[in-house]
Amino acid sequence: MQRQFTFPASFEESISKALASYKLSLQDSKALAKCVLALSDYFIHKPDDVTPWHESWAQVAYLCYYLPLNSTRLAGIIEEADRRNFFAGLERVVDFGAGLATASLSISQKHALQFQLVERASEPQKLIETYFPQFKAEEWQRTFSAPRLKDPKKTLAVFSYSLTELSDIPDWAYQCEALMLVEPSTQQDGRKLLQLRQKLLENGYHVWAPCTHEGPCPLLTQSKHDWCHDRVHFQAPEWFLKMEEQLPMKNRTLTMSYLLIRKTRPEVLAAARVVGDRLEEKGKDRQMICRGPEREFLAWMHKLKIQQEIPRGVLIKNPTEAQKVSNELRVSKEVEVLD
């Protein structure tokens, strides 16, 4: 059982048309990989610099590599959002630090909302407007401030890989009904997101996902090293796999840290979320879950001969019948995974 995702076929068609303007195709594996490596090296040597959108190799790298990967990550998050009915009542999106509009493109696949995209560089807008006709933004803006919010009570503010440089979301975002925060699954960015979660709760917001509770996060309060992150399996097309053969990094699974937040309170969720991978230990298997302020693990004792593989990120029925031993919930039968 795996959570498998990919990016929409319409994206691939648009990427192909865009690459043709650089005299490239999806089959030019080595040339595409060269652009990806160039951008990767750029960020390694200049981690605090802005994306060099004016460089053609950076544009190619985002089109053929980062757009497919990040839209696949977002597909997993949006599926979870839809499961919780997160988008209900929302009409507008402000996509801050939009880059190549990956978040807005992904959301628009399922939800007909009005999109305001905020991006300092002009090149992404030109690429999207030229090669992604399936997406229509209401407007692109280079900067954003509170007076430009049109209906904050029906607005979702999206921060997808744009908080790394910020210590907090902008003041105007606190006026918005909903927030979607997506960050790299690094220890630094993940723990920073957990700290922001606490501040948002203190400011009247409610967590819809991935958290199943609004108490202190035990990964933050009971550990100096842990952080919360999700994982999905990437169903990569053949051309992507061929390009990846030329790269040192492989992406059979994709990770991300995220929060779905609204001022509206969600329905009570009588469930726990699996937030860790299965750990094989002497005499038992363990897997971390999230259901409250305690750091807890499901535990399957080998002597009971229960073999169960639960994907990271899914919801399970609250294991109320399990035997509590220290931080373990020792189960005597398979745990029910919720759809």
C-alpha atoms as a PDB file:
ATOM      1  CA  MET A   1       0.000   0.000   0.000  1.00  0.00           C
ATOM      2  CA  GLN A   2       1.557   3.264  -1.152  1.00  0.00           C
ATOM      3  CA  ARG A   3       0.379   6.836  -1.638  1.00  0.00           C
ATOM      4  CA  GLN A   4       1.257   7.363  -5.300  1.00  0.00           C
ATOM      5  CA  PHE A   5       0.952  10.668  -7.135  1.00  0.00           C
ATOM      6  CA  THR A   6       2.113  12.347 -10.313  1.00  0.00           C
ATOM      7  CA  PHE A   7       1.528  15.672 -12.081  1.00  0.00           C
ATOM      8  CA  PRO A   8      -1.299  16.364 -14.584  1.00  0.00           C
ATOM      9  CA  ALA A   9      -0.873  15.332 -18.228  1.00  0.00           C
ATOM     10  CA  SER A  10      -1.729  18.892 -19.287  1.00  0.00           C
ATOM     11  CA  PHE A  11       1.396  20.103 -17.480  1.00  0.00           C
ATOM     12  CA  GLU A  12       3.559  17.755 -19.558  1.00  0.00           C
ATOM     13  CA  GLU A  13       2.063  19.112 -22.774  1.00  0.00           C
ATOM     14  CA  SER A  14       2.746  22.692 -21.669  1.00  0.00           C
ATOM     15  CA  ILE A  15       6.293  21.839 -20.564  1.00  0.00           C
ATOM     16  CA  SER A  16       6.970  20.259 -23.949  1.00  0.00           C
ATOM     17  CA  LYS A  17       5.786  23.364 -25.812  1.00  0.00           C
ATOM     18  CA  ALA A  18       7.831  25.634 -23.562  1.00  0.00           C
ATOM     19  CA  LEU A  19      11.000  23.557 -24.046  1.00  0.00           C
ATOM     20  CA  ALA A  20      10.612  23.871 -27.808  1.00  0.00           C
ATOM     21  CA  SER A  21      11.261  27.611 -27.453  1.00  0.00           C
ATOM     22  CA  TYR A  22      14.744  26.690 -26.165  1.00  0.00           C
ATOM     23  CA  LYS A  23      15.166  24.206 -29.052  1.00  0.00           C
ATOM     24  CA  LEU A  24      14.793  21.326 -26.575  1.00  0.00           C
ATOM     25  CA  SER A  25      12.381  18.429 -26.135  1.00  0.00           C
ATOM     26  CA  LEU A  26      11.460  16.051 -23.321  1.00  0.00           C
ATOM     27  CA  GLN A  27      13.727  13.475 -24.955  1.00  0.00           C
ATOM     28  CA  ASP A  28      16.856  15.648 -24.613  1.00  0.00           C
ATOM     29  CA  SER A  29      17.742  13.992 -21.309  1.00  0.00           C
ATOM     30  CA  LYS A  30      21.372  15.106 -21.097  1.00  0.00           C
ATOM     31  CA  ALA A  31      20.678  18.725 -22.011  1.00  0.00           C
ATOM     32  CA  LEU A  32      17.808  18.957 -19.524  1.00  0.00           C
ATOM     33  CA  ALA A  33      19.898  17.367 -16.776  1.00  0.00           C
ATOM     34  CA  LYS A  34      22.688  19.847 -17.480  1.00  0.00           C
ATOM     35  CA  CYS A  35      20.292  22.728 -16.773  1.00  0.00           C
ATOM     36  CA  VAL A  36      19.052  21.078 -13.570  1.00  0.00           C
ATOM     37  CA  LEU A  37      22.625  20.594 -12.354  1.00  0.00           C
ATOM     38  CA  ALA A  38      23.473  24.204 -13.183  1.00  0.00           C
ATOM     39  CA  LEU A  39      20.606  25.497 -11.045  1.00  0.00           C
ATOM     40  CA  SER A  40      21.387  23.043  -8.251  1.00  0.00           C
ATOM     41  CA  ASP A  41      25.025  24.169  -8.217  1.00  0.00           C
ATOM     42  CA  TYR A  42      23.909  27.800  -8.239  1.00  0.00           C
ATOM     43  CA  PHE A  43      21.858  27.346  -5.056  1.00  0.00           C
ATOM     44  CA  ILE A  44      24.622  25.311  -3.397  1.00  0.00           C
ATOM     45  CA  HIS A  45      27.125  28.122  -3.916  1.00  0.00           C
ATOM     46  CA  LYS A  46      24.650  30.998  -3.457  1.00  0.00           C
ATOM     47  CA  PRO A  47      21.991  29.676  -1.049  1.00  0.00           C
ATOM     48  CA  ASP A  48      20.743  33.138  -0.096  1.00  0.00           C
ATOM     49  CA  ASP A  49      20.437  34.484  -3.639  1.00  0.00           C
ATOM     50  CA  VAL A  50      17.154  34.876  -5.501  1.00  0.00           C
ATOM     51  CA  THR A  51      16.293  32.474  -8.303  1.00  0.00           C
ATOM     52  CA  PRO A  52      18.139  33.542 -11.507  1.00  0.00           C
ATOM     53  CA  TRP A  53      14.976  33.619 -13.611  1.00  0.00           C
ATOM     54  CA  HIS A  54      16.723  35.662 -16.300  1.00  0.00           C
ATOM     55  CA  GLU A  55      18.911  32.654 -17.164  1.00  0.00           C
ATOM     56  CA  SER A  56      17.482  30.253 -19.740  1.00  0.00           C
ATOM     57  CA  TRP A  57      19.016  27.241 -17.943  1.00  0.00           C
ATOM     58  CA  ALA A  58      17.149  28.174 -14.763  1.00  0.00           C
ATOM     59  CA  GLN A  59      13.867  28.427 -16.665  1.00  0.00           C
ATOM     60  CA  VAL A  60      14.441  25.021 -18.273  1.00  0.00           C
ATOM     61  CA  ALA A  61      15.324  23.464 -14.900  1.00  0.00           C
ATOM     62  CA  TYR A  62      12.127  24.718 -13.310  1.00  0.00           C
ATOM     63  CA  LEU A  63      10.000  23.595 -16.232  1.00  0.00           C
ATOM     64  CA  CYS A  64      11.325  20.050 -16.591  1.00  0.00           C
ATOM     65  CA  TYR A  65      12.335  19.238 -13.000  1.00  0.00           C
ATOM     66  CA  TYR A  66      11.016  21.403 -10.179  1.00  0.00           C
ATOM     67  CA  LEU A  67       7.531  21.945 -11.608  1.00  0.00           C
ATOM     68  CA  PRO A  68       6.844  18.177 -11.953  1.00  0.00           C
ATOM     69  CA  LEU A  69       8.286  17.405  -8.513  1.00  0.00           C
ATOM     70  CA  ASN A  70       6.583  20.202  -6.609  1.00  0.00           C
ATOM     71  CA  SER A  71       3.213  19.746  -8.316  1.00  0.00           C
ATOM     72  CA  THR A  72       3.361  16.059  -7.358  1.00  0.00           C
ATOM     73  CA  ARG A  73       4.031  17.014  -3.741  1.00  0.00           C
ATOM     74  CA  LEU A  74       1.109  19.420  -3.870  1.00  0.00           C
ATOM     75  CA  ALA A  75      -1.152  16.736  -5.352  1.00  0.00           C
ATOM     76  CA  GLY A  76      -0.757  14.781  -2.122  1.00  0.00           C
ATOM     77  CA  ILE A  77      -1.512  17.837   0.000  1.00  0.00           C
ATOM     78  CA  ILE A  78      -4.521  18.877  -2.095  1.00  0.00           C
ATOM     79  CA  GLU A  79      -5.958  15.364  -1.886  1.00  0.00           C
ATOM     80  CA  GLU A  80      -5.775  15.583   1.905  1.00  0.00           C
ATOM     81  CA  ALA A  81      -7.294  19.082   1.805  1.00  0.00           C
ATOM     82  CA  ASP A  82     -10.208  17.794  -0.265  1.00  0.00           C
ATOM     83  CA  ARG A  83     -10.705  14.882   2.121  1.00  0.00           C
ATOM     84  CA  ARG A  84     -11.203  17.429   4.921  1.00  0.00           C
ATOM     85  CA  ASN A  85     -13.296  19.760   2.685  1.00  0.00           C
ATOM     86  CA  PHE A  86     -10.683  22.436   3.312  1.00  0.00           C
ATOM     87  CA  PHE A  87     -11.548  24.594   0.272  1.00  0.00           C
ATOM     88  CA  ALA A  88     -15.259  24.935   1.150  1.00  0.00           C
ATOM     89  CA  GLY A  89     -16.388  28.573   1.040  1.00  0.00           C
ATOM     90  CA  LEU A  90     -13.115  29.875  -0.381  1.00  0.00           C
ATOM     91  CA  GLU A  91     -13.215  31.946  -3.561  1.00  0.00           C
ATOM     92  CA  ARG A  92      -9.812  33.587  -3.884  1.00  0.00           C
ATOM     93  CA  VAL A  93      -6.136  32.633  -3.672  1.00  0.00           C
ATOM     94  CA  VAL A  94      -3.136  34.875  -3.043  1.00  0.00           C
ATOM     95  CA  ASP A  95      -0.076  32.869  -4.088  1.00  0.00           C
ATOM     96  CA  PHE A  96       2.865  34.633  -2.428  1.00  0.00           C
ATOM     97  CA  GLY A  97       6.310  34.025  -3.940  1.00  0.00           C
ATOM     98  CA  ALA A  98       4.527  32.157  -6.702  1.00  0.00           C
ATOM     99  CA  GLY A  99       7.550  31.387  -8.853  1.00  0.00           C
ATOM    100  CA  LEU A 100       6.315  29.286 -11.778  1.00  0.00           C
ATOM    101  CA  ALA A 101       2.797  29.307 -10.280  1.00  0.00           C
ATOM    102  CA  THR A 102       3.116  25.647  -9.291  1.00  0.00           C
ATOM    103  CA  ALA A 103       0.748  25.881  -6.321  1.00  0.00           C
ATOM    104  CA  SER A 104      -1.887  27.858  -8.212  1.00  0.00           C
ATOM    105  CA  LEU A 105      -1.648  25.576 -11.239  1.00  0.00           C
ATOM    106  CA  SER A 106      -2.128  22.555  -8.993  1.00  0.00           C
ATOM    107  CA  ILE A 107      -5.059  23.972  -7.023  1.00  0.00           C
ATOM    108  CA  SER A 108      -6.788  25.138 -10.218  1.00  0.00           C
ATOM    109  CA  GLN A 109      -6.915  21.548 -11.468  1.00  0.00           C
ATOM    110  CA  LYS A 110      -9.705  20.859  -8.970  1.00  0.00           C
ATOM    111  CA  HIS A 111     -10.979  24.241  -7.790  1.00  0.00           C
ATOM    112  CA  ALA A 112     -12.252  27.169  -9.875  1.00  0.00           C
ATOM    113  CA  LEU A 113     -10.925  30.024  -7.758  1.00  0.00           C
ATOM    114  CA  GLN A 114      -9.674  33.527  -8.529  1.00  0.00           C
ATOM    115  CA  PHE A 115      -5.883  33.656  -8.395  1.00  0.00           C
ATOM    116  CA  GLN A 116      -3.673  36.619  -7.503  1.00  0.00           C
ATOM    117  CA  LEU A 117      -0.024  35.677  -7.965  1.00  0.00           C
ATOM    118  CA  VAL A 118       2.764  37.602  -6.277  1.00  0.00           C
ATOM    119  CA  GLU A 119       6.185  37.131  -7.871  1.00  0.00           C
ATOM    120  CA  ARG A 120       9.048  39.629  -8.129  1.00  0.00           C
ATOM    121  CA  ALA A 121      10.437  38.243 -11.391  1.00  0.00           C
ATOM    122  CA  SER A 122       8.584  38.757 -14.668  1.00  0.00           C
ATOM    123  CA  GLU A 123       9.883  35.661 -16.475  1.00  0.00           C
ATOM    124  CA  PRO A 124       7.585  33.132 -14.718  1.00  0.00           C
ATOM    125  CA  GLN A 125       4.515  35.143 -15.694  1.00  0.00           C
ATOM    126  CA  LYS A 126       5.592  35.161 -19.347  1.00  0.00           C
ATOM    127  CA  LEU A 127       6.151  31.397 -19.330  1.00  0.00           C
ATOM    128  CA  ILE A 128       2.808  30.631 -17.697  1.00  0.00           C
ATOM    129  CA  GLU A 129       0.783  32.998 -19.872  1.00  0.00           C
ATOM    130  CA  THR A 130       2.439  31.687 -23.042  1.00  0.00           C
ATOM    131  CA  TYR A 131       2.535  27.932 -22.453  1.00  0.00           C
ATOM    132  CA  PHE A 132      -0.105  27.141 -19.816  1.00  0.00           C
ATOM    133  CA  PRO A 133      -3.343  28.382 -21.431  1.00  0.00           C
ATOM    134  CA  GLN A 134      -5.380  26.079 -19.169  1.00  0.00           C
ATOM    135  CA  PHE A 135      -4.607  28.443 -16.272  1.00  0.00           C
ATOM    136  CA  LYS A 136      -5.970  31.973 -16.104  1.00  0.00           C
ATOM    137  CA  ALA A 137      -4.734  34.239 -13.310  1.00  0.00           C
ATOM    138  CA  GLU A 138      -6.795  37.238 -12.338  1.00  0.00           C
ATOM    139  CA  GLU A 139      -3.573  39.214 -11.972  1.00  0.00           C
ATOM    140  CA  TRP A 140       0.158  38.989 -11.366  1.00  0.00           C
ATOM    141  CA  GLN A 141       1.783  41.449  -8.974  1.00  0.00           C
ATOM    142  CA  ARG A 142       5.392  42.155  -8.090  1.00  0.00           C
ATOM    143  CA  THR A 143       4.616  43.134  -4.481  1.00  0.00           C
ATOM    144  CA  PHE A 144       1.623  42.733  -2.195  1.00  0.00           C
ATOM    145  CA  SER A 145       0.098  44.562   0.773  1.00  0.00           C
ATOM    146  CA  ALA A 146      -3.126  44.540   2.785  1.00  0.00           C
ATOM    147  CA  PRO A 147      -5.041  47.051   0.594  1.00  0.00           C
ATOM    148  CA  ARG A 148      -4.802  44.576  -2.295  1.00  0.00           C
ATOM    149  CA  LEU A 149      -6.782  41.925  -0.424  1.00  0.00           C
ATOM    150  CA  LYS A 150     -10.186  41.823  -2.108  1.00  0.00           C
ATOM    151  CA  ASP A 151     -12.193  39.545   0.197  1.00  0.00           C
ATOM    152  CA  PRO A 152     -10.006  38.204   3.024  1.00  0.00           C
ATOM    153  CA  LYS A 153     -12.868  36.201   4.593  1.00  0.00           C
ATOM    154  CA  LYS A 154     -12.982  34.072   1.430  1.00  0.00           C
ATOM    155  CA  THR A 155      -9.255  34.107   0.661  1.00  0.00           C
ATOM    156  CA  LEU A 156      -6.624  31.385   0.877  1.00  0.00           C
ATOM    157  CA  ALA A 157      -3.054  32.667   1.214  1.00  0.00           C
ATOM    158  CA  VAL A 158      -0.542  30.183  -0.199  1.00  0.00           C
ATOM    159  CA  PHE A 159       3.117  30.100   0.786  1.00  0.00           C
ATOM    160  CA  SER A 160       4.785  27.288  -1.156  1.00  0.00           C
ATOM    161  CA  TYR A 161       8.544  27.172  -0.593  1.00  0.00           C
ATOM    162  CA  SER A 162       8.481  30.920   0.014  1.00  0.00           C
ATOM    163  CA  LEU A 163       8.838  31.107   3.811  1.00  0.00           C
ATOM    164  CA  THR A 164      12.469  29.995   3.945  1.00  0.00           C
ATOM    165  CA  GLU A 165      13.646  33.606   3.831  1.00  0.00           C
ATOM    166  CA  LEU A 166      10.955  34.907   6.224  1.00  0.00           C
ATOM    167  CA  SER A 167      10.650  34.660  10.004  1.00  0.00           C
ATOM    168  CA  ASP A 168       6.850  34.936   9.826  1.00  0.00           C
ATOM    169  CA  ILE A 169       4.064  35.243   7.292  1.00  0.00           C
ATOM    170  CA  PRO A 170       3.362  38.875   6.237  1.00  0.00           C
ATOM    171  CA  ASP A 171       0.932  40.894   8.353  1.00  0.00           C
ATOM    172  CA  TRP A 172      -1.714  40.948   5.602  1.00  0.00           C
ATOM    173  CA  ALA A 173      -1.873  37.132   5.622  1.00  0.00           C
ATOM    174  CA  TYR A 174      -3.282  37.159   9.170  1.00  0.00           C
ATOM    175  CA  GLN A 175      -6.424  38.740   7.708  1.00  0.00           C
ATOM    176  CA  CYS A 176      -7.031  35.756   5.424  1.00  0.00           C
ATOM    177  CA  GLU A 177      -9.493  33.009   6.287  1.00  0.00           C
ATOM    178  CA  ALA A 178      -7.196  30.185   5.198  1.00  0.00           C
ATOM    179  CA  LEU A 179      -3.491  29.433   4.868  1.00  0.00           C
ATOM    180  CA  MET A 180      -1.637  26.726   2.971  1.00  0.00           C
ATOM    181  CA  LEU A 181       2.003  26.520   4.046  1.00  0.00           C
ATOM    182  CA  VAL A 182       4.369  24.146   2.234  1.00  0.00           C
ATOM    183  CA  GLU A 183       8.063  23.979   3.032  1.00  0.00           C
ATOM    184  CA  PRO A 184      11.066  21.713   2.342  1.00  0.00           C
ATOM    185  CA  SER A 185      11.211  18.703   4.654  1.00  0.00           C
ATOM    186  CA  THR A 186      14.470  19.772   6.262  1.00  0.00           C
ATOM    187  CA  GLN A 187      14.982  19.857  10.001  1.00  0.00           C
ATOM    188  CA  GLN A 188      15.407  23.633  10.023  1.00  0.00           C
ATOM    189  CA  ASP A 189      12.395  24.449   7.832  1.00  0.00           C
ATOM    190  CA  GLY A 190      10.222  21.750   9.395  1.00  0.00           C
ATOM    191  CA  ARG A 191      10.789  22.924  12.968  1.00  0.00           C
ATOM    192  CA  LYS A 192      10.329  26.535  11.904  1.00  0.00           C
ATOM    193  CA  LEU A 193       6.923  25.554  10.523  1.00  0.00           C
ATOM    194  CA  LEU A 194       5.999  23.897  13.836  1.00  0.00           C
ATOM    195  CA  GLN A 195       6.892  27.112  15.673  1.00  0.00           C
ATOM    196  CA  LEU A 196       4.728  29.090  13.247  1.00  0.00           C
ATOM    197  CA  ARG A 197       1.891  26.607  13.861  1.00  0.00           C
ATOM    198  CA  GLN A 198       1.867  27.539  17.539  1.00  0.00           C
ATOM    199  CA  LYS A 199       1.768  31.255  16.751  1.00  0.00           C
ATOM    200  CA  LEU A 200      -1.121  30.787  14.319  1.00  0.00           C
ATOM    201  CA  LEU A 201      -3.091  28.838  16.928  1.00  0.00           C
ATOM    202  CA  GLU A 202      -2.520  31.672  19.395  1.00  0.00           C
ATOM    203  CA  ASN A 203      -3.891  34.083  16.769  1.00  0.00           C
ATOM    204  CA  GLY A 204      -7.207  32.266  16.437  1.00  0.00           C
ATOM    205  CA  TYR A 205      -6.482  29.848  13.611  1.00  0.00           C
ATOM    206  CA  HIS A 206      -7.307  26.132  13.598  1.00  0.00           C
ATOM    207  CA  VAL A 207      -5.257  23.315  12.057  1.00  0.00           C
ATOM    208  CA  TRP A 208      -7.057  21.159   9.480  1.00  0.00           C
ATOM    209  CA  ALA A 209      -4.101  18.990   8.456  1.00  0.00           C
ATOM    210  CA  PRO A 210      -1.801  17.240   8.977  1.00  0.00           C
ATOM    211  CA  CYS A 211      -2.358  17.691  12.728  1.00  0.00           C
ATOM    212  CA  THR A 212      -5.317  15.891  14.296  1.00  0.00           C
ATOM    213  CA  HIS A 213      -5.239  18.079  17.418  1.00  0.00           C
ATOM    214  CA  GLU A 214      -4.466  21.654  18.461  1.00  0.00           C
ATOM    215  CA  GLY A 215      -2.315  20.952  21.485  1.00  0.00           C
ATOM    216  CA  PRO A 216       1.446  21.506  21.606  1.00  0.00           C
ATOM    217  CA  CYS A 217       3.282  19.501  18.952  1.00  0.00           C
ATOM    218  CA  PRO A 218       5.359  16.808  20.710  1.00  0.00           C
ATOM    219  CA  LEU A 219       7.889  16.789  17.879  1.00  0.00           C
ATOM    220  CA  LEU A 220       8.708  20.369  18.856  1.00  0.00           C
ATOM    221  CA  THR A 221       8.193  20.313  22.633  1.00  0.00           C
ATOM    222  CA  GLN A 222       9.621  16.869  23.437  1.00  0.00           C
ATOM    223  CA  SER A 223      12.522  16.787  21.001  1.00  0.00           C
ATOM    224  CA  LYS A 224      15.251  19.163  19.880  1.00  0.00           C
ATOM    225  CA  HIS A 225      15.752  17.376  16.574  1.00  0.00           C
ATOM    226  CA  ASP A 226      12.450  15.964  15.244  1.00  0.00           C
ATOM    227  CA  TRP A 227      10.200  17.645  12.721  1.00  0.00           C
ATOM    228  CA  CYS A 228       6.961  16.714  10.974  1.00  0.00           C
ATOM    229  CA  HIS A 229       7.084  15.793   7.301  1.00  0.00           C
ATOM    230  CA  ASP A 230       5.030  13.823   4.826  1.00  0.00           C
ATOM    231  CA  ARG A 231       6.070  11.488   2.001  1.00  0.00           C
ATOM    232  CA  VAL A 232       4.459  10.430  -1.277  1.00  0.00           C
ATOM    233  CA  HIS A 233       5.614   8.054  -4.013  1.00  0.00           C
ATOM    234  CA  PHE A 234       6.299   9.715  -7.371  1.00  0.00           C
ATOM    235  CA  GLN A 235       4.919   8.050 -10.507  1.00  0.00           C
ATOM    236  CA  ALA A 236       7.444   9.615 -12.856  1.00  0.00           C
ATOM    237  CA  PRO A 237       6.949   9.497 -16.639  1.00  0.00           C
ATOM    238  CA  GLU A 238       9.567   7.777 -18.773  1.00  0.00           C
ATOM    239  CA  TRP A 239      11.176  10.998 -20.011  1.00  0.00           C
ATOM    240  CA  PHE A 240      11.683  12.166 -16.408  1.00  0.00           C
ATOM    241  CA  LEU A 241      13.309   8.868 -15.451  1.00  0.00           C
ATOM    242  CA  LYS A 242      15.657   9.144 -18.445  1.00  0.00           C
ATOM    243  CA  MET A 243      16.649  12.669 -17.402  1.00  0.00           C
ATOM    244  CA  GLU A 244      17.111  11.528 -13.816  1.00  0.00           C
ATOM    245  CA  GLU A 245      19.603   8.886 -14.962  1.00  0.00           C
ATOM    246  CA  GLN A 246      21.924  11.810 -15.721  1.00  0.00           C
ATOM    247  CA  LEU A 247      21.513  13.294 -12.227  1.00  0.00           C
ATOM    248  CA  PRO A 248      22.980  12.317  -8.844  1.00  0.00           C
ATOM    249  CA  MET A 249      19.627  12.858  -7.072  1.00  0.00           C
ATOM    250  CA  LYS A 250      16.802  10.338  -7.419  1.00  0.00           C
ATOM    251  CA  ASN A 251      13.174  11.021  -6.578  1.00  0.00           C
ATOM    252  CA  ARG A 252      11.194   7.816  -6.203  1.00  0.00           C
ATOM    253  CA  THR A 253       9.628   9.337  -3.094  1.00  0.00           C
ATOM    254  CA  LEU A 254       9.050  13.010  -2.340  1.00  0.00           C
ATOM    255  CA  THR A 255       8.887  14.639   1.079  1.00  0.00           C
ATOM    256  CA  MET A 256       7.453  17.932   2.307  1.00  0.00           C
ATOM    257  CA  SER A 257       6.330  19.702   5.460  1.00  0.00           C
ATOM    258  CA  TYR A 258       2.957  21.429   5.324  1.00  0.00           C
ATOM    259  CA  LEU A 259       0.115  23.007   7.267  1.00  0.00           C
ATOM    260  CA  LEU A 260      -3.499  23.590   6.237  1.00  0.00           C
ATOM    261  CA  ILE A 261      -4.941  26.304   8.499  1.00  0.00           C
ATOM    262  CA  ARG A 262      -8.267  28.145   8.686  1.00  0.00           C
ATOM    263  CA  LYS A 263     -10.013  30.551  11.029  1.00  0.00           C
ATOM    264  CA  THR A 264     -13.066  28.309  10.710  1.00  0.00           C
ATOM    265  CA  ARG A 265     -12.923  25.350  13.067  1.00  0.00           C
ATOM    266  CA  PRO A 266     -12.798  21.939  11.318  1.00  0.00           C
ATOM    267  CA  GLU A 267     -15.057  19.018  12.116  1.00  0.00           C
ATOM    268  CA  VAL A 268     -13.826  16.952  15.048  1.00  0.00           C
ATOM    269  CA  LEU A 269     -11.589  14.187  13.740  1.00  0.00           C
ATOM    270  CA  ALA A 270     -11.659  10.979  15.776  1.00  0.00           C
ATOM    271  CA  ALA A 271      -8.494   9.705  14.159  1.00  0.00           C
ATOM    272  CA  ALA A 272      -4.731   9.662  14.405  1.00  0.00           C
ATOM    273  CA  ARG A 273      -2.241  10.388  11.638  1.00  0.00           C
ATOM    274  CA  VAL A 274       0.769   8.231  10.908  1.00  0.00           C
ATOM    275  CA  VAL A 275       3.763  10.599  10.898  1.00  0.00           C
ATOM    276  CA  GLY A 276       6.674   8.166  10.851  1.00  0.00           C
ATOM    277  CA  ASP A 277       8.008   5.180   8.962  1.00  0.00           C
ATOM    278  CA  ARG A 278       7.799   1.691  10.422  1.00  0.00           C
ATOM    279  CA  LEU A 279      10.784   0.940  12.640  1.00  0.00           C
ATOM    280  CA  GLU A 280      11.800  -2.692  12.996  1.00  0.00           C
ATOM    281  CA  GLU A 281      13.113  -3.357  16.503  1.00  0.00           C
ATOM    282  CA  LYS A 282      13.851  -6.425  18.585  1.00  0.00           C
ATOM    283  CA  GLY A 283      10.558  -8.139  19.341  1.00  0.00           C
ATOM    284  CA  LYS A 284       8.326  -5.470  17.798  1.00  0.00           C
ATOM    285  CA  ASP A 285       7.683  -2.955  15.039  1.00  0.00           C
ATOM    286  CA  ARG A 286       6.898   0.677  15.869  1.00  0.00           C
ATOM    287  CA  GLN A 287       5.464   3.613  13.939  1.00  0.00           C
ATOM    288  CA  MET A 288       4.966   7.169  15.200  1.00  0.00           C
ATOM    289  CA  ILE A 289       1.475   8.656  15.181  1.00  0.00           C
ATOM    290  CA  CYS A 290      -0.025  12.099  15.850  1.00  0.00           C
ATOM    291  CA  ARG A 291      -3.172  12.413  17.971  1.00  0.00           C
ATOM    292  CA  GLY A 292      -2.264  14.743  20.840  1.00  0.00           C
ATOM    293  CA  PRO A 293       0.529  16.479  22.744  1.00  0.00           C
ATOM    294  CA  GLU A 294       2.271  13.197  23.623  1.00  0.00           C
ATOM    295  CA  ARG A 295       4.942  11.543  21.477  1.00  0.00           C
ATOM    296  CA  GLU A 296       3.352   8.158  20.747  1.00  0.00           C
ATOM    297  CA  PHE A 297       4.083   5.051  18.692  1.00  0.00           C
ATOM    298  CA  LEU A 298       1.924   2.227  17.454  1.00  0.00           C
ATOM    299  CA  ALA A 299       3.603  -1.046  18.417  1.00  0.00           C
ATOM    300  CA  TRP A 300       3.108  -4.501  16.911  1.00  0.00           C
ATOM    301  CA  MET A 301       4.624  -7.270  19.021  1.00  0.00           C
ATOM    302  CA  HIS A 302       6.253  -9.917  16.821  1.00  0.00           C
ATOM    303  CA  LYS A 303       4.847 -12.733  18.963  1.00  0.00           C
ATOM    304  CA  LEU A 304       1.341 -11.767  17.787  1.00  0.00           C
ATOM    305  CA  LYS A 305       2.450 -12.253  14.152  1.00  0.00           C
ATOM    306  CA  ILE A 306       0.757  -9.085  12.896  1.00  0.00           C
ATOM    307  CA  GLN A 307       2.355  -7.776   9.697  1.00  0.00           C
ATOM    308  CA  GLN A 308       1.075  -4.346   8.704  1.00  0.00           C
ATOM    309  CA  GLU A 309       2.645  -1.643   6.559  1.00  0.00           C
ATOM    310  CA  ILE A 310       0.919   1.730   6.981  1.00  0.00           C
ATOM    311  CA  PRO A 311       1.934   4.545   4.610  1.00  0.00           C
ATOM    312  CA  ARG A 312       3.308   7.668   6.217  1.00  0.00           C
ATOM    313  CA  GLY A 313       0.750  10.481   6.190  1.00  0.00           C
ATOM    314  CA  VAL A 314      -2.501   8.500   6.263  1.00  0.00           C
ATOM    315  CA  LEU A 315      -5.235   8.709   8.871  1.00  0.00           C
ATOM    316  CA  ILE A 316      -6.068   5.691  11.011  1.00  0.00           C
ATOM    317  CA  LYS A 317      -8.915   4.942  13.379  1.00  0.00           C
ATOM    318  CA  ASN A 318      -7.981   6.134  16.842  1.00  0.00           C
ATOM    319  CA  PRO A 319      -6.467   3.040  18.523  1.00  0.00           C
ATOM    320  CA  THR A 320      -8.432   3.409  21.758  1.00  0.00           C
ATOM    321  CA  GLU A 321      -8.341  -0.339  22.480  1.00  0.00           C
ATOM    322  CA  ALA A 322      -4.553  -0.557  22.357  1.00  0.00           C
ATOM    323  CA  GLN A 323      -2.587  -1.259  25.533  1.00  0.00           C
ATOM    324  CA  LYS A 324      -0.629   1.829  26.612  1.00  0.00           C
ATOM    325  CA  VAL A 325       2.921   0.984  27.734  1.00  0.00           C
ATOM    326  CA  SER A 326       5.125   4.062  28.195  1.00  0.00           C
ATOM    327  CA  ASN A 327       4.924   5.892  24.836  1.00  0.00           C
ATOM    328  CA  GLU A 328       3.692   2.802  22.961  1.00  0.00           C
ATOM    329  CA  LEU A 329       0.171   1.826  21.950  1.00  0.00           C
ATOM    330  CA  ARG A 330       0.460  -1.953  21.658  1.00  0.00           C
ATOM    331  CA  VAL A 331      -2.153  -3.249  19.240  1.00  0.00           C
ATOM    332  CA  SER A 332      -3.500  -6.804  19.142  1.00  0.00           C
ATOM    333  CA  LYS A 333      -4.967  -6.626  15.627  1.00  0.00           C
ATOM    334  CA  GLU A 334      -4.452  -4.715  12.399  1.00  0.00           C
ATOM    335  CA  VAL A 335      -5.102  -0.988  12.628  1.00  0.00           C
ATOM    336  CA  GLU A 336      -7.936   0.380  10.470  1.00  0.00           C
ATOM    337  CA  VAL A 337      -6.705   2.809   7.802  1.00  0.00           C
ATOM    338  CA  LEU A 338      -9.302   5.483   6.948  1.00  0.00           C
ATOM    339  CA  ASP A 339     -10.124   6.425   3.347  1.00  0.00           C
END
